[in-house]
Amino acid sequence: MAKACKPVVALQLYTVRNEVEADYPGTLKKVARMGYPAVQAGPTAKYDAKAVRKMMDDLGLESAGVHVGLDQLQNEFNATVDMIKDLRDEWAIVAWLPEDRRRTGAQWRT
């Protein structure tokens, strides 16, 4: 059974995705200076999960879940789990499902 999740205020980095793309380390620094204790972060083309975790550690930021695509989770499950572990998190968040996968209760459960 998964451990209980302690509520925390966190910034979803998708909301500042343009800034992250231009300057990931600088954006994390600004987020930490604003007082956020945690972010929902992930790797990018420039930085893998271990590099992102190091940046977060240097700034005292925690991980509050990792957004992943459903295709990524289904097609690259082990690599996705490894990435989440590298970020020292245990929560994968699939933020969106295609409509044809969510019309019935049975589809949601699948």
PDB file of N, CA and C in Angstrom:
ATOM      1  N   MET A   1       0.846  -1.186   0.000  1.00  0.00           N
ATOM      2  CA  MET A   1       0.000   0.000   0.000  1.00  0.00           C
ATOM      3  C   MET A   1       0.889   1.245   0.000  1.00  0.00           C
ATOM      4  N   ALA A   2       0.551   2.205  -0.830  1.00  0.00           N
ATOM      5  CA  ALA A   2       1.327   3.446  -0.924  1.00  0.00           C
ATOM      6  C   ALA A   2       1.160   4.246   0.360  1.00  0.00           C
ATOM      7  N   LYS A   3       2.220   4.924   0.736  1.00  0.00           N
ATOM      8  CA  LYS A   3       2.130   5.761   1.933  1.00  0.00           C
ATOM      9  C   LYS A   3       1.266   6.983   1.648  1.00  0.00           C
ATOM     10  N   ALA A   4       0.721   7.538   2.699  1.00  0.00           N
ATOM     11  CA  ALA A   4      -0.142   8.717   2.552  1.00  0.00           C
ATOM     12  C   ALA A   4       0.664   9.887   2.025  1.00  0.00           C
ATOM     13  N   CYS A   5       0.027  10.689   1.232  1.00  0.00           N
ATOM     14  CA  CYS A   5       0.662  11.868   0.655  1.00  0.00           C
ATOM     15  C   CYS A   5       0.395  13.064   1.557  1.00  0.00           C
ATOM     16  N   LYS A   6       1.444  13.678   2.040  1.00  0.00           N
ATOM     17  CA  LYS A   6       1.304  14.869   2.862  1.00  0.00           C
ATOM     18  C   LYS A   6       1.052  16.059   1.937  1.00  0.00           C
ATOM     19  N   PRO A   7      -0.024  16.786   2.154  1.00  0.00           N
ATOM     20  CA  PRO A   7      -0.307  17.941   1.289  1.00  0.00           C
ATOM     21  C   PRO A   7       0.831  18.966   1.343  1.00  0.00           C
ATOM     22  N   VAL A   8       1.154  19.514   0.197  1.00  0.00           N
ATOM     23  CA  VAL A   8       2.205  20.519   0.110  1.00  0.00           C
ATOM     24  C   VAL A   8       1.864  21.472  -1.032  1.00  0.00           C
ATOM     25  N   VAL A   9       2.223  22.704  -0.862  1.00  0.00           N
ATOM     26  CA  VAL A   9       2.066  23.675  -1.944  1.00  0.00           C
ATOM     27  C   VAL A   9       3.247  23.486  -2.885  1.00  0.00           C
ATOM     28  N   ALA A  10       2.956  23.314  -4.146  1.00  0.00           N
ATOM     29  CA  ALA A  10       4.011  23.101  -5.135  1.00  0.00           C
ATOM     30  C   ALA A  10       3.640  23.823  -6.420  1.00  0.00           C
ATOM     31  N   LEU A  11       4.662  24.156  -7.187  1.00  0.00           N
ATOM     32  CA  LEU A  11       4.436  24.780  -8.484  1.00  0.00           C
ATOM     33  C   LEU A  11       4.583  23.721  -9.570  1.00  0.00           C
ATOM     34  N   GLN A  12       3.579  23.607 -10.408  1.00  0.00           N
ATOM     35  CA  GLN A  12       3.666  22.720 -11.561  1.00  0.00           C
ATOM     36  C   GLN A  12       4.488  23.471 -12.607  1.00  0.00           C
ATOM     37  N   LEU A  13       5.666  22.950 -12.930  1.00  0.00           N
ATOM     38  CA  LEU A  13       6.561  23.662 -13.842  1.00  0.00           C
ATOM     39  C   LEU A  13       5.988  23.848 -15.231  1.00  0.00           C
ATOM     40  N   TYR A  14       4.951  23.110 -15.573  1.00  0.00           N
ATOM     41  CA  TYR A  14       4.297  23.323 -16.867  1.00  0.00           C
ATOM     42  C   TYR A  14       3.782  24.760 -16.975  1.00  0.00           C
ATOM     43  N   THR A  15       3.417  25.350 -15.839  1.00  0.00           N
ATOM     44  CA  THR A  15       2.888  26.720 -15.868  1.00  0.00           C
ATOM     45  C   THR A  15       3.958  27.735 -16.253  1.00  0.00           C
ATOM     46  N   VAL A  16       5.212  27.357 -16.121  1.00  0.00           N
ATOM     47  CA  VAL A  16       6.324  28.240 -16.527  1.00  0.00           C
ATOM     48  C   VAL A  16       7.216  27.507 -17.536  1.00  0.00           C
ATOM     49  N   ARG A  17       6.575  26.719 -18.398  1.00  0.00           N
ATOM     50  CA  ARG A  17       7.310  25.866 -19.337  1.00  0.00           C
ATOM     51  C   ARG A  17       8.226  26.644 -20.277  1.00  0.00           C
ATOM     52  N   ASN A  18       7.831  27.829 -20.700  1.00  0.00           N
ATOM     53  CA  ASN A  18       8.694  28.607 -21.592  1.00  0.00           C
ATOM     54  C   ASN A  18       9.959  29.040 -20.871  1.00  0.00           C
ATOM     55  N   GLU A  19       9.811  29.447 -19.623  1.00  0.00           N
ATOM     56  CA  GLU A  19      10.969  29.843 -18.824  1.00  0.00           C
ATOM     57  C   GLU A  19      11.872  28.637 -18.545  1.00  0.00           C
ATOM     58  N   VAL A  20      11.257  27.486 -18.254  1.00  0.00           N
ATOM     59  CA  VAL A  20      12.025  26.261 -18.020  1.00  0.00           C
ATOM     60  C   VAL A  20      12.819  25.898 -19.259  1.00  0.00           C
ATOM     61  N   GLU A  21      12.191  25.987 -20.416  1.00  0.00           N
ATOM     62  CA  GLU A  21      12.875  25.654 -21.674  1.00  0.00           C
ATOM     63  C   GLU A  21      14.052  26.594 -21.925  1.00  0.00           C
ATOM     64  N   ALA A  22      13.882  27.857 -21.608  1.00  0.00           N
ATOM     65  CA  ALA A  22      14.949  28.839 -21.837  1.00  0.00           C
ATOM     66  C   ALA A  22      16.054  28.733 -20.794  1.00  0.00           C
ATOM     67  N   ASP A  23      15.689  28.461 -19.529  1.00  0.00           N
ATOM     68  CA  ASP A  23      16.685  28.454 -18.446  1.00  0.00           C
ATOM     69  C   ASP A  23      16.157  27.640 -17.267  1.00  0.00           C
ATOM     70  N   TYR A  24      16.300  26.323 -17.342  1.00  0.00           N
ATOM     71  CA  TYR A  24      15.783  25.449 -16.295  1.00  0.00           C
ATOM     72  C   TYR A  24      16.395  25.786 -14.936  1.00  0.00           C
ATOM     73  N   PRO A  25      17.742  25.830 -14.810  1.00  0.00           N
ATOM     74  CA  PRO A  25      18.314  26.126 -13.488  1.00  0.00           C
ATOM     75  C   PRO A  25      17.879  27.495 -12.952  1.00  0.00           C
ATOM     76  N   GLY A  26      17.874  28.492 -13.799  1.00  0.00           N
ATOM     77  CA  GLY A  26      17.480  29.828 -13.368  1.00  0.00           C
ATOM     78  C   GLY A  26      16.020  29.890 -12.952  1.00  0.00           C
ATOM     79  N   THR A  27      15.168  29.166 -13.656  1.00  0.00           N
ATOM     80  CA  THR A  27      13.746  29.142 -13.303  1.00  0.00           C
ATOM     81  C   THR A  27      13.544  28.463 -11.958  1.00  0.00           C
ATOM     82  N   LEU A  28      14.239  27.351 -11.721  1.00  0.00           N
ATOM     83  CA  LEU A  28      14.137  26.690 -10.421  1.00  0.00           C
ATOM     84  C   LEU A  28      14.603  27.616  -9.292  1.00  0.00           C
ATOM     85  N   LYS A  29      15.667  28.365  -9.538  1.00  0.00           N
ATOM     86  CA  LYS A  29      16.147  29.314  -8.524  1.00  0.00           C
ATOM     87  C   LYS A  29      15.077  30.350  -8.200  1.00  0.00           C
ATOM     88  N   LYS A  30      14.422  30.877  -9.220  1.00  0.00           N
ATOM     89  CA  LYS A  30      13.375  31.874  -9.003  1.00  0.00           C
ATOM     90  C   LYS A  30      12.204  31.269  -8.231  1.00  0.00           C
ATOM     91  N   VAL A  31      11.835  30.054  -8.587  1.00  0.00           N
ATOM     92  CA  VAL A  31      10.732  29.365  -7.910  1.00  0.00           C
ATOM     93  C   VAL A  31      11.070  29.174  -6.426  1.00  0.00           C
ATOM     94  N   ALA A  32      12.283  28.737  -6.152  1.00  0.00           N
ATOM     95  CA  ALA A  32      12.706  28.545  -4.757  1.00  0.00           C
ATOM     96  C   ALA A  32      12.718  29.876  -4.008  1.00  0.00           C
ATOM     97  N   ARG A  33      13.191  30.945  -4.651  1.00  0.00           N
ATOM     98  CA  ARG A  33      13.214  32.269  -4.003  1.00  0.00           C
ATOM     99  C   ARG A  33      11.804  32.773  -3.707  1.00  0.00           C
ATOM    100  N   MET A  34      10.833  32.371  -4.520  1.00  0.00           N
ATOM    101  CA  MET A  34       9.444  32.765  -4.276  1.00  0.00           C
ATOM    102  C   MET A  34       8.884  32.069  -3.039  1.00  0.00           C
ATOM    103  N   GLY A  35       9.552  31.034  -2.592  1.00  0.00           N
ATOM    104  CA  GLY A  35       9.115  30.348  -1.388  1.00  0.00           C
ATOM    105  C   GLY A  35       8.430  29.014  -1.594  1.00  0.00           C
ATOM    106  N   TYR A  36       8.360  28.557  -2.818  1.00  0.00           N
ATOM    107  CA  TYR A  36       7.760  27.244  -3.040  1.00  0.00           C
ATOM    108  C   TYR A  36       8.655  26.164  -2.432  1.00  0.00           C
ATOM    109  N   PRO A  37       8.076  25.241  -1.650  1.00  0.00           N
ATOM    110  CA  PRO A  37       8.878  24.166  -1.083  1.00  0.00           C
ATOM    111  C   PRO A  37       9.043  22.976  -2.025  1.00  0.00           C
ATOM    112  N   ALA A  38       8.218  22.935  -3.074  1.00  0.00           N
ATOM    113  CA  ALA A  38       8.227  21.773  -3.963  1.00  0.00           C
ATOM    114  C   ALA A  38       7.764  22.170  -5.356  1.00  0.00           C
ATOM    115  N   VAL A  39       8.104  21.314  -6.315  1.00  0.00           N
ATOM    116  CA  VAL A  39       7.671  21.508  -7.700  1.00  0.00           C
ATOM    117  C   VAL A  39       7.245  20.162  -8.273  1.00  0.00           C
ATOM    118  N   GLN A  40       6.438  20.228  -9.319  1.00  0.00           N
ATOM    119  CA  GLN A  40       6.188  19.054 -10.144  1.00  0.00           C
ATOM    120  C   GLN A  40       7.108  19.228 -11.339  1.00  0.00           C
ATOM    121  N   ALA A  41       8.210  18.503 -11.315  1.00  0.00           N
ATOM    122  CA  ALA A  41       9.268  18.686 -12.301  1.00  0.00           C
ATOM    123  C   ALA A  41       9.463  17.418 -13.111  1.00  0.00           C
ATOM    124  N   GLY A  42      10.282  17.529 -14.098  1.00  0.00           N
ATOM    125  CA  GLY A  42      10.650  16.373 -14.895  1.00  0.00           C
ATOM    126  C   GLY A  42      11.827  16.700 -15.777  1.00  0.00           C
ATOM    127  N   PRO A  43      12.371  15.681 -16.417  1.00  0.00           N
ATOM    128  CA  PRO A  43      13.504  15.898 -17.307  1.00  0.00           C
ATOM    129  C   PRO A  43      13.080  16.643 -18.563  1.00  0.00           C
ATOM    130  N   THR A  44      14.063  17.179 -19.248  1.00  0.00           N
ATOM    131  CA  THR A  44      13.846  17.844 -20.527  1.00  0.00           C
ATOM    132  C   THR A  44      14.879  17.313 -21.515  1.00  0.00           C
ATOM    133  N   ALA A  45      14.878  17.841 -22.701  1.00  0.00           N
ATOM    134  CA  ALA A  45      15.879  17.427 -23.688  1.00  0.00           C
ATOM    135  C   ALA A  45      17.289  17.792 -23.213  1.00  0.00           C
ATOM    136  N   LYS A  46      17.409  18.863 -22.429  1.00  0.00           N
ATOM    137  CA  LYS A  46      18.726  19.327 -21.971  1.00  0.00           C
ATOM    138  C   LYS A  46      19.172  18.679 -20.666  1.00  0.00           C
ATOM    139  N   TYR A  47      18.224  18.294 -19.804  1.00  0.00           N
ATOM    140  CA  TYR A  47      18.555  17.804 -18.466  1.00  0.00           C
ATOM    141  C   TYR A  47      17.814  16.517 -18.164  1.00  0.00           C
ATOM    142  N   ASP A  48      18.570  15.470 -17.784  1.00  0.00           N
ATOM    143  CA  ASP A  48      17.909  14.231 -17.392  1.00  0.00           C
ATOM    144  C   ASP A  48      17.421  14.345 -15.948  1.00  0.00           C
ATOM    145  N   ALA A  49      16.720  13.315 -15.490  1.00  0.00           N
ATOM    146  CA  ALA A  49      16.102  13.355 -14.164  1.00  0.00           C
ATOM    147  C   ALA A  49      17.130  13.527 -13.053  1.00  0.00           C
ATOM    148  N   LYS A  50      18.281  12.888 -13.169  1.00  0.00           N
ATOM    149  CA  LYS A  50      19.313  13.017 -12.123  1.00  0.00           C
ATOM    150  C   LYS A  50      19.840  14.446 -12.044  1.00  0.00           C
ATOM    151  N   ALA A  51      20.009  15.085 -13.186  1.00  0.00           N
ATOM    152  CA  ALA A  51      20.474  16.476 -13.197  1.00  0.00           C
ATOM    153  C   ALA A  51      19.423  17.404 -12.592  1.00  0.00           C
ATOM    154  N   VAL A  52      18.156  17.150 -12.914  1.00  0.00           N
ATOM    155  CA  VAL A  52      17.067  17.957 -12.351  1.00  0.00           C
ATOM    156  C   VAL A  52      17.018  17.762 -10.833  1.00  0.00           C
ATOM    157  N   ARG A  53      17.153  16.513 -10.374  1.00  0.00           N
ATOM    158  CA  ARG A  53      17.129  16.244  -8.930  1.00  0.00           C
ATOM    159  C   ARG A  53      18.266  16.973  -8.233  1.00  0.00           C
ATOM    160  N   LYS A  54      19.448  17.005  -8.845  1.00  0.00           N
ATOM    161  CA  LYS A  54      20.605  17.718  -8.258  1.00  0.00           C
ATOM    162  C   LYS A  54      20.294  19.205  -8.133  1.00  0.00           C
ATOM    163  N   MET A  55      19.710  19.788  -9.189  1.00  0.00           N
ATOM    164  CA  MET A  55      19.333  21.209  -9.120  1.00  0.00           C
ATOM    165  C   MET A  55      18.344  21.441  -7.988  1.00  0.00           C
ATOM    166  N   MET A  56      17.374  20.552  -7.875  1.00  0.00           N
ATOM    167  CA  MET A  56      16.369  20.688  -6.822  1.00  0.00           C
ATOM    168  C   MET A  56      16.998  20.549  -5.440  1.00  0.00           C
ATOM    169  N   ASP A  57      17.890  19.578  -5.286  1.00  0.00           N
ATOM    170  CA  ASP A  57      18.580  19.397  -4.004  1.00  0.00           C
ATOM    171  C   ASP A  57      19.356  20.647  -3.614  1.00  0.00           C
ATOM    172  N   ASP A  58      20.065  21.220  -4.586  1.00  0.00           N
ATOM    173  CA  ASP A  58      20.871  22.420  -4.314  1.00  0.00           C
ATOM    174  C   ASP A  58      20.016  23.585  -3.839  1.00  0.00           C
ATOM    175  N   LEU A  59      18.731  23.578  -4.222  1.00  0.00           N
ATOM    176  CA  LEU A  59      17.825  24.670  -3.874  1.00  0.00           C
ATOM    177  C   LEU A  59      16.858  24.303  -2.748  1.00  0.00           C
ATOM    178  N   GLY A  60      16.958  23.073  -2.248  1.00  0.00           N
ATOM    179  CA  GLY A  60      16.075  22.635  -1.181  1.00  0.00           C
ATOM    180  C   GLY A  60      14.646  22.374  -1.622  1.00  0.00           C
ATOM    181  N   LEU A  61      14.450  22.062  -2.896  1.00  0.00           N
ATOM    182  CA  LEU A  61      13.113  21.804  -3.420  1.00  0.00           C
ATOM    183  C   LEU A  61      12.791  20.311  -3.383  1.00  0.00           C
ATOM    184  N   GLU A  62      11.568  19.997  -3.018  1.00  0.00           N
ATOM    185  CA  GLU A  62      11.072  18.629  -3.040  1.00  0.00           C
ATOM    186  C   GLU A  62      10.299  18.397  -4.331  1.00  0.00           C
ATOM    187  N   SER A  63      10.057  17.128  -4.617  1.00  0.00           N
ATOM    188  CA  SER A  63       9.246  16.756  -5.768  1.00  0.00           C
ATOM    189  C   SER A  63       7.837  16.437  -5.284  1.00  0.00           C
ATOM    190  N   ALA A  64       6.844  16.973  -5.978  1.00  0.00           N
ATOM    191  CA  ALA A  64       5.440  16.762  -5.606  1.00  0.00           C
ATOM    192  C   ALA A  64       4.692  16.053  -6.728  1.00  0.00           C
ATOM    193  N   GLY A  65       5.295  15.026  -7.259  1.00  0.00           N
ATOM    194  CA  GLY A  65       4.680  14.286  -8.352  1.00  0.00           C
ATOM    195  C   GLY A  65       5.328  14.620  -9.682  1.00  0.00           C
ATOM    196  N   VAL A  66       5.232  13.682 -10.602  1.00  0.00           N
ATOM    197  CA  VAL A  66       5.861  13.827 -11.910  1.00  0.00           C
ATOM    198  C   VAL A  66       4.800  13.562 -12.980  1.00  0.00           C
ATOM    199  N   HIS A  67       4.593  14.533 -13.844  1.00  0.00           N
ATOM    200  CA  HIS A  67       3.643  14.350 -14.941  1.00  0.00           C
ATOM    201  C   HIS A  67       4.273  13.495 -16.027  1.00  0.00           C
ATOM    202  N   VAL A  68       3.520  12.486 -16.452  1.00  0.00           N
ATOM    203  CA  VAL A  68       3.966  11.618 -17.537  1.00  0.00           C
ATOM    204  C   VAL A  68       2.799  11.410 -18.490  1.00  0.00           C
ATOM    205  N   GLY A  69       3.122  11.157 -19.723  1.00  0.00           N
ATOM    206  CA  GLY A  69       2.092  10.860 -20.704  1.00  0.00           C
ATOM    207  C   GLY A  69       1.657   9.411 -20.592  1.00  0.00           C
ATOM    208  N   LEU A  70       0.411   9.141 -20.916  1.00  0.00           N
ATOM    209  CA  LEU A  70      -0.094   7.779 -20.865  1.00  0.00           C
ATOM    210  C   LEU A  70       0.717   6.864 -21.775  1.00  0.00           C
ATOM    211  N   ASP A  71       1.038   7.324 -22.985  1.00  0.00           N
ATOM    212  CA  ASP A  71       1.850   6.515 -23.900  1.00  0.00           C
ATOM    213  C   ASP A  71       3.215   6.205 -23.292  1.00  0.00           C
ATOM    214  N   GLN A  72       3.820   7.209 -22.664  1.00  0.00           N
ATOM    215  CA  GLN A  72       5.118   7.015 -22.020  1.00  0.00           C
ATOM    216  C   GLN A  72       5.013   5.948 -20.933  1.00  0.00           C
ATOM    217  N   LEU A  73       3.986   6.039 -20.123  1.00  0.00           N
ATOM    218  CA  LEU A  73       3.801   5.093 -19.029  1.00  0.00           C
ATOM    219  C   LEU A  73       3.553   3.679 -19.563  1.00  0.00           C
ATOM    220  N   GLN A  74       2.773   3.573 -20.612  1.00  0.00           N
ATOM    221  CA  GLN A  74       2.465   2.251 -21.165  1.00  0.00           C
ATOM    222  C   GLN A  74       3.627   1.668 -21.974  1.00  0.00           C
ATOM    223  N   ASN A  75       4.299   2.489 -22.758  1.00  0.00           N
ATOM    224  CA  ASN A  75       5.318   1.982 -23.678  1.00  0.00           C
ATOM    225  C   ASN A  75       6.728   1.962 -23.115  1.00  0.00           C
ATOM    226  N   GLU A  76       6.972   2.758 -22.100  1.00  0.00           N
ATOM    227  CA  GLU A  76       8.314   2.843 -21.506  1.00  0.00           C
ATOM    228  C   GLU A  76       8.195   2.767 -19.985  1.00  0.00           C
ATOM    229  N   PHE A  77       7.434   1.775 -19.507  1.00  0.00           N
ATOM    230  CA  PHE A  77       7.098   1.705 -18.088  1.00  0.00           C
ATOM    231  C   PHE A  77       8.339   1.690 -17.195  1.00  0.00           C
ATOM    232  N   ASN A  78       9.267   0.775 -17.445  1.00  0.00           N
ATOM    233  CA  ASN A  78      10.441   0.657 -16.568  1.00  0.00           C
ATOM    234  C   ASN A  78      11.286   1.923 -16.580  1.00  0.00           C
ATOM    235  N   ALA A  79      11.494   2.490 -17.753  1.00  0.00           N
ATOM    236  CA  ALA A  79      12.277   3.729 -17.844  1.00  0.00           C
ATOM    237  C   ALA A  79      11.556   4.873 -17.142  1.00  0.00           C
ATOM    238  N   THR A  80      10.233   4.897 -17.234  1.00  0.00           N
ATOM    239  CA  THR A  80       9.455   5.946 -16.580  1.00  0.00           C
ATOM    240  C   THR A  80       9.547   5.805 -15.066  1.00  0.00           C
ATOM    241  N   VAL A  81       9.440   4.591 -14.559  1.00  0.00           N
ATOM    242  CA  VAL A  81       9.577   4.353 -13.122  1.00  0.00           C
ATOM    243  C   VAL A  81      10.979   4.745 -12.654  1.00  0.00           C
ATOM    244  N   ASP A  82      11.992   4.395 -13.423  1.00  0.00           N
ATOM    245  CA  ASP A  82      13.363   4.779 -13.066  1.00  0.00           C
ATOM    246  C   ASP A  82      13.505   6.299 -13.013  1.00  0.00           C
ATOM    247  N   MET A  83      12.908   6.994 -13.965  1.00  0.00           N
ATOM    248  CA  MET A  83      12.978   8.459 -13.995  1.00  0.00           C
ATOM    249  C   MET A  83      12.315   9.047 -12.747  1.00  0.00           C
ATOM    250  N   ILE A  84      11.166   8.505 -12.386  1.00  0.00           N
ATOM    251  CA  ILE A  84      10.456   8.994 -11.203  1.00  0.00           C
ATOM    252  C   ILE A  84      11.288   8.737  -9.950  1.00  0.00           C
ATOM    253  N   LYS A  85      11.895   7.582  -9.864  1.00  0.00           N
ATOM    254  CA  LYS A  85      12.769   7.265  -8.727  1.00  0.00           C
ATOM    255  C   LYS A  85      13.976   8.203  -8.697  1.00  0.00           C
ATOM    256  N   ASP A  86      14.550   8.503  -9.872  1.00  0.00           N
ATOM    257  CA  ASP A  86      15.688   9.424  -9.935  1.00  0.00           C
ATOM    258  C   ASP A  86      15.316  10.806  -9.392  1.00  0.00           C
ATOM    259  N   LEU A  87      14.049  11.175  -9.545  1.00  0.00           N
ATOM    260  CA  LEU A  87      13.575  12.457  -9.004  1.00  0.00           C
ATOM    261  C   LEU A  87      13.183  12.325  -7.526  1.00  0.00           C
ATOM    262  N   ARG A  88      13.366  11.135  -6.971  1.00  0.00           N
ATOM    263  CA  ARG A  88      13.004  10.799  -5.591  1.00  0.00           C
ATOM    264  C   ARG A  88      11.530  11.091  -5.315  1.00  0.00           C
ATOM    265  N   ASP A  89      10.719  10.594  -6.195  1.00  0.00           N
ATOM    266  CA  ASP A  89       9.276  10.709  -6.038  1.00  0.00           C
ATOM    267  C   ASP A  89       8.688   9.320  -6.218  1.00  0.00           C
ATOM    268  N   GLU A  90       7.398   9.195  -5.964  1.00  0.00           N
ATOM    269  CA  GLU A  90       6.733   7.920  -6.188  1.00  0.00           C
ATOM    270  C   GLU A  90       5.382   8.099  -6.859  1.00  0.00           C
ATOM    271  N   TRP A  91       5.075   9.329  -7.256  1.00  0.00           N
ATOM    272  CA  TRP A  91       3.775   9.615  -7.846  1.00  0.00           C
ATOM    273  C   TRP A  91       3.904   9.985  -9.318  1.00  0.00           C
ATOM    274  N   ALA A  92       3.283   9.171 -10.175  1.00  0.00           N
ATOM    275  CA  ALA A  92       3.182   9.488 -11.592  1.00  0.00           C
ATOM    276  C   ALA A  92       1.792  10.071 -11.821  1.00  0.00           C
ATOM    277  N   ILE A  93       1.734  11.202 -12.453  1.00  0.00           N
ATOM    278  CA  ILE A  93       0.471  11.880 -12.709  1.00  0.00           C
ATOM    279  C   ILE A  93       0.217  11.873 -14.211  1.00  0.00           C
ATOM    280  N   VAL A  94      -0.849  11.212 -14.620  1.00  0.00           N
ATOM    281  CA  VAL A  94      -1.270  11.238 -16.014  1.00  0.00           C
ATOM    282  C   VAL A  94      -2.386  12.276 -16.074  1.00  0.00           C
ATOM    283  N   ALA A  95      -2.077  13.422 -16.635  1.00  0.00           N
ATOM    284  CA  ALA A  95      -2.978  14.576 -16.560  1.00  0.00           C
ATOM    285  C   ALA A  95      -4.101  14.557 -17.587  1.00  0.00           C
ATOM    286  N   TRP A  96      -4.012  13.680 -18.564  1.00  0.00           N
ATOM    287  CA  TRP A  96      -5.014  13.724 -19.627  1.00  0.00           C
ATOM    288  C   TRP A  96      -5.158  12.356 -20.270  1.00  0.00           C
ATOM    289  N   LEU A  97      -6.398  11.989 -20.553  1.00  0.00           N
ATOM    290  CA  LEU A  97      -6.703  10.777 -21.304  1.00  0.00           C
ATOM    291  C   LEU A  97      -7.527  11.157 -22.527  1.00  0.00           C
ATOM    292  N   PRO A  98      -7.295  10.504 -23.664  1.00  0.00           N
ATOM    293  CA  PRO A  98      -8.130  10.768 -24.832  1.00  0.00           C
ATOM    294  C   PRO A  98      -9.590  10.440 -24.502  1.00  0.00           C
ATOM    295  N   GLU A  99     -10.508  11.160 -25.112  1.00  0.00           N
ATOM    296  CA  GLU A  99     -11.927  10.972 -24.818  1.00  0.00           C
ATOM    297  C   GLU A  99     -12.370   9.525 -25.007  1.00  0.00           C
ATOM    298  N   ASP A 100     -11.835   8.861 -26.031  1.00  0.00           N
ATOM    299  CA  ASP A 100     -12.260   7.481 -26.266  1.00  0.00           C
ATOM    300  C   ASP A 100     -11.757   6.507 -25.197  1.00  0.00           C
ATOM    301  N   ARG A 101     -10.951   6.978 -24.260  1.00  0.00           N
ATOM    302  CA  ARG A 101     -10.470   6.148 -23.145  1.00  0.00           C
ATOM    303  C   ARG A 101     -11.185   6.479 -21.841  1.00  0.00           C
ATOM    304  N   ARG A 102     -12.182   7.400 -21.877  1.00  0.00           N
ATOM    305  CA  ARG A 102     -12.817   7.841 -20.639  1.00  0.00           C
ATOM    306  C   ARG A 102     -14.330   8.024 -20.748  1.00  0.00           C
ATOM    307  N   ARG A 103     -14.952   7.302 -21.645  1.00  0.00           N
ATOM    308  CA  ARG A 103     -16.410   7.434 -21.812  1.00  0.00           C
ATOM    309  C   ARG A 103     -17.195   6.610 -20.787  1.00  0.00           C
ATOM    310  N   THR A 104     -16.622   5.503 -20.343  1.00  0.00           N
ATOM    311  CA  THR A 104     -17.334   4.635 -19.410  1.00  0.00           C
ATOM    312  C   THR A 104     -16.488   4.376 -18.175  1.00  0.00           C
ATOM    313  N   GLY A 105     -17.148   3.909 -17.126  1.00  0.00           N
ATOM    314  CA  GLY A 105     -16.425   3.549 -15.913  1.00  0.00           C
ATOM    315  C   GLY A 105     -15.396   2.468 -16.177  1.00  0.00           C
ATOM    316  N   ALA A 106     -15.768   1.497 -17.019  1.00  0.00           N
ATOM    317  CA  ALA A 106     -14.843   0.413 -17.346  1.00  0.00           C
ATOM    318  C   ALA A 106     -13.592   0.953 -18.040  1.00  0.00           C
ATOM    319  N   GLN A 107     -13.760   1.930 -18.926  1.00  0.00           N
ATOM    320  CA  GLN A 107     -12.598   2.518 -19.607  1.00  0.00           C
ATOM    321  C   GLN A 107     -11.692   3.226 -18.595  1.00  0.00           C
ATOM    322  N   TRP A 108     -12.263   3.961 -17.654  1.00  0.00           N
ATOM    323  CA  TRP A 108     -11.464   4.637 -16.626  1.00  0.00           C
ATOM    324  C   TRP A 108     -10.677   3.605 -15.826  1.00  0.00           C
ATOM    325  N   ARG A 109     -11.328   2.527 -15.433  1.00  0.00           N
ATOM    326  CA  ARG A 109     -10.639   1.505 -14.633  1.00  0.00           C
ATOM    327  C   ARG A 109      -9.510   0.840 -15.422  1.00  0.00           C
ATOM    328  N   THR A 110      -9.704   0.660 -16.725  1.00  0.00           N
ATOM    329  CA  THR A 110      -8.664   0.063 -17.555  1.00  0.00           C
ATOM    330  C   THR A 110      -7.470   0.981 -17.615  1.00  0.00           C
TER     331      THR A 110
END
